[in-house]
Amino acid sequence: MSLFLPKLHCKKEVDEVIKKVAEKVLVLRFGRDEDSVCLQLDEIFSKVAHDVSKMAVIYLVDVDSVPVYARYFDISYIPSTVFFFNGQHMKVDYGSPDHTKFVGCFKTKQDFIDLIEVIYRGAMRGKLIVRSPIDPRNIPKYDLLYQGI
């Protein structure tokens, strides 16, 4: 299903997209094309891409091709989904310690649509962090790994 979604292959492409997408939520899915959970998430994204097209644009990023962003967003679990609005990183309170990204796959298409709508409305009001509308039972649980430098 990821054939229908645009892919970014290098840091330069990611930087350009972050800068150029205006007045819409930019969704970057960091993962690998051959990973089964990423394929599941890509299927959800491809099914809702048209429905959220007035509020969001979705891109796929291979985590191995942009190690700078993988380190910056501490992407240790894939897939990880990061959101931007007008070049600003949007954070979401999922009820977990990490507000920078959504880790794992959304349980339903509606969960993703609801999240995009909340991020879009919050961003239009100037907020940089919003509260997740997703039922906490539908948010994958994981342990944060902190690595010393």
Protein backbone atom coordinates (compact mmCIF):
# COMPACT_ATOMS: atom_id res chain seq x y z
CA MET A 1 0.00 0.00 0.00
CA SER A 2 2.94 2.34 0.50
CA LEU A 3 3.11 2.63 -3.30
CA PHE A 4 0.41 5.30 -3.14
CA LEU A 5 2.17 7.55 -0.64
CA PRO A 6 5.15 9.78 -1.48
CA LYS A 7 8.53 8.77 -0.06
CA LEU A 8 11.43 10.90 1.07
CA HIS A 9 14.87 9.39 0.50
CA CYS A 10 17.35 11.79 2.10
CA LYS A 11 17.75 14.52 4.72
CA LYS A 12 17.58 17.26 2.08
CA GLU A 13 14.17 16.06 0.87
CA VAL A 14 12.86 15.89 4.46
CA ASP A 15 14.14 19.41 5.16
CA GLU A 16 12.48 20.78 2.00
CA VAL A 17 9.13 19.19 2.80
CA ILE A 18 9.19 20.51 6.38
CA LYS A 19 9.83 24.01 5.02
CA LYS A 20 7.39 23.99 2.11
CA VAL A 21 4.24 22.37 3.58
CA ALA A 22 2.13 25.30 4.77
CA GLU A 23 -1.24 25.46 6.52
CA LYS A 24 -1.44 21.66 6.71
CA VAL A 25 -0.23 19.06 9.16
CA LEU A 26 2.84 17.30 7.82
CA VAL A 27 2.87 13.62 8.78
CA LEU A 28 6.22 11.84 8.54
CA ARG A 29 6.16 8.07 9.05
CA PHE A 30 9.64 6.84 9.93
CA GLY A 31 10.04 3.13 9.32
CA ARG A 32 11.08 0.47 6.84
CA ASP A 33 9.11 -0.66 3.79
CA GLU A 34 9.62 -4.35 4.53
CA ASP A 35 8.44 -4.16 8.16
CA SER A 36 4.98 -5.70 8.67
CA VAL A 37 3.81 -3.09 11.22
CA CYS A 38 4.96 -0.30 8.87
CA LEU A 39 2.97 -1.91 6.06
CA GLN A 40 -0.09 -2.02 8.32
CA LEU A 41 0.33 1.67 9.16
CA ASP A 42 0.94 2.56 5.49
CA GLU A 43 -2.32 0.84 4.58
CA ILE A 44 -4.21 2.99 7.10
CA PHE A 45 -2.46 6.11 5.81
CA SER A 46 -3.21 5.32 2.17
CA LYS A 47 -6.89 4.71 2.95
CA VAL A 48 -7.34 8.03 4.80
CA ALA A 49 -4.96 10.22 2.77
CA HIS A 50 -7.80 11.55 0.63
CA ASP A 51 -10.11 12.09 3.63
CA VAL A 52 -7.56 14.24 5.48
CA SER A 53 -6.10 15.92 2.38
CA LYS A 54 -7.49 19.35 3.33
CA MET A 55 -5.80 19.17 6.75
CA ALA A 56 -2.72 16.98 6.25
CA VAL A 57 -0.14 15.60 3.87
CA ILE A 58 1.56 12.25 4.53
CA TYR A 59 5.10 11.20 3.61
CA LEU A 60 7.01 7.99 4.24
CA VAL A 61 10.63 8.16 5.36
CA ASP A 62 13.00 5.20 5.50
CA VAL A 63 14.60 5.44 8.93
CA ASP A 64 17.92 4.14 7.55
CA SER A 65 18.20 6.86 4.89
CA VAL A 66 17.93 9.78 7.35
CA PRO A 67 19.95 8.79 10.44
CA VAL A 68 20.18 12.46 11.49
CA TYR A 69 16.41 12.62 12.04
CA ALA A 70 16.33 9.12 13.52
CA ARG A 71 18.76 10.31 16.21
CA TYR A 72 17.12 13.71 16.62
CA PHE A 73 13.66 12.24 17.29
CA ASP A 74 15.13 9.25 19.16
CA ILE A 75 13.49 6.75 16.85
CA SER A 76 14.36 3.47 18.50
CA TYR A 77 11.02 1.80 17.70
CA ILE A 78 9.49 1.68 14.26
CA PRO A 79 7.17 2.78 12.91
CA SER A 80 7.28 6.22 14.51
CA THR A 81 5.08 9.03 13.26
CA VAL A 82 6.12 12.67 13.69
CA PHE A 83 3.91 15.71 13.04
CA PHE A 84 4.77 19.25 11.87
CA PHE A 85 2.75 22.38 11.10
CA ASN A 86 4.26 25.31 9.20
CA GLY A 87 7.76 24.04 9.93
CA GLN A 88 7.08 23.66 13.67
CA HIS A 89 7.33 20.26 15.33
CA MET A 90 3.90 19.49 16.82
CA LYS A 91 3.85 17.52 20.05
CA VAL A 92 0.99 15.39 21.29
CA ASP A 93 0.27 14.29 24.86
CA TYR A 94 -0.59 10.60 24.53
CA GLY A 95 -0.50 10.02 28.27
CA SER A 96 3.05 8.70 27.97
CA PRO A 97 6.39 10.35 28.79
CA ASP A 98 7.21 10.92 25.09
CA HIS A 99 5.22 13.68 23.35
CA THR A 100 7.45 13.98 20.28
CA LYS A 101 6.13 11.06 18.22
CA PHE A 102 3.50 8.34 17.95
CA VAL A 103 5.12 4.93 18.15
CA GLY A 104 3.47 1.90 16.55
CA CYS A 105 0.39 1.51 14.42
CA PHE A 106 -2.96 3.20 14.88
CA LYS A 107 -5.67 0.68 15.81
CA THR A 108 -8.28 2.24 13.50
CA LYS A 109 -8.46 4.71 10.65
CA GLN A 110 -10.73 6.89 12.79
CA ASP A 111 -8.05 7.17 15.51
CA PHE A 112 -5.68 8.67 12.96
CA ILE A 113 -8.31 11.00 11.48
CA ASP A 114 -9.26 12.24 14.96
CA LEU A 115 -5.61 12.87 15.83
CA ILE A 116 -5.00 14.84 12.63
CA GLU A 117 -8.08 16.96 13.28
CA VAL A 118 -6.97 17.77 16.86
CA ILE A 119 -3.43 18.62 15.74
CA TYR A 120 -4.74 20.78 12.88
CA ARG A 121 -7.18 22.72 15.06
CA GLY A 122 -4.61 23.17 17.82
CA ALA A 123 -1.96 24.34 15.36
CA MET A 124 -4.37 26.83 13.79
CA ARG A 125 -4.79 28.31 17.29
CA GLY A 126 -1.03 28.57 17.75
CA LYS A 127 -0.57 25.60 20.08
CA LEU A 128 2.60 23.51 19.85
CA ILE A 129 1.28 20.65 21.99
CA VAL A 130 -2.18 19.11 22.00
CA ARG A 131 -3.90 16.34 23.97
CA SER A 132 -4.50 13.11 22.08
CA PRO A 133 -8.15 12.24 21.36
CA ILE A 134 -7.26 8.55 21.02
CA ASP A 135 -8.58 6.16 23.68
CA PRO A 136 -5.58 5.30 25.91
CA ARG A 137 -6.33 1.59 25.36
CA ASN A 138 -5.61 2.11 21.64
CA ILE A 139 -2.19 3.67 22.21
CA PRO A 140 0.69 1.16 22.07
CA LYS A 141 2.71 0.99 25.28
CA TYR A 142 6.47 0.89 25.25
CA ASP A 143 9.36 1.69 27.56
CA LEU A 144 11.57 4.68 26.79
CA LEU A 145 15.23 3.89 26.39
CA TYR A 146 17.62 6.61 27.43
CA GLN A 147 21.18 6.30 26.24
CA GLY A 148 24.03 8.23 27.80
CA ILE A 149 26.30 10.14 25.48
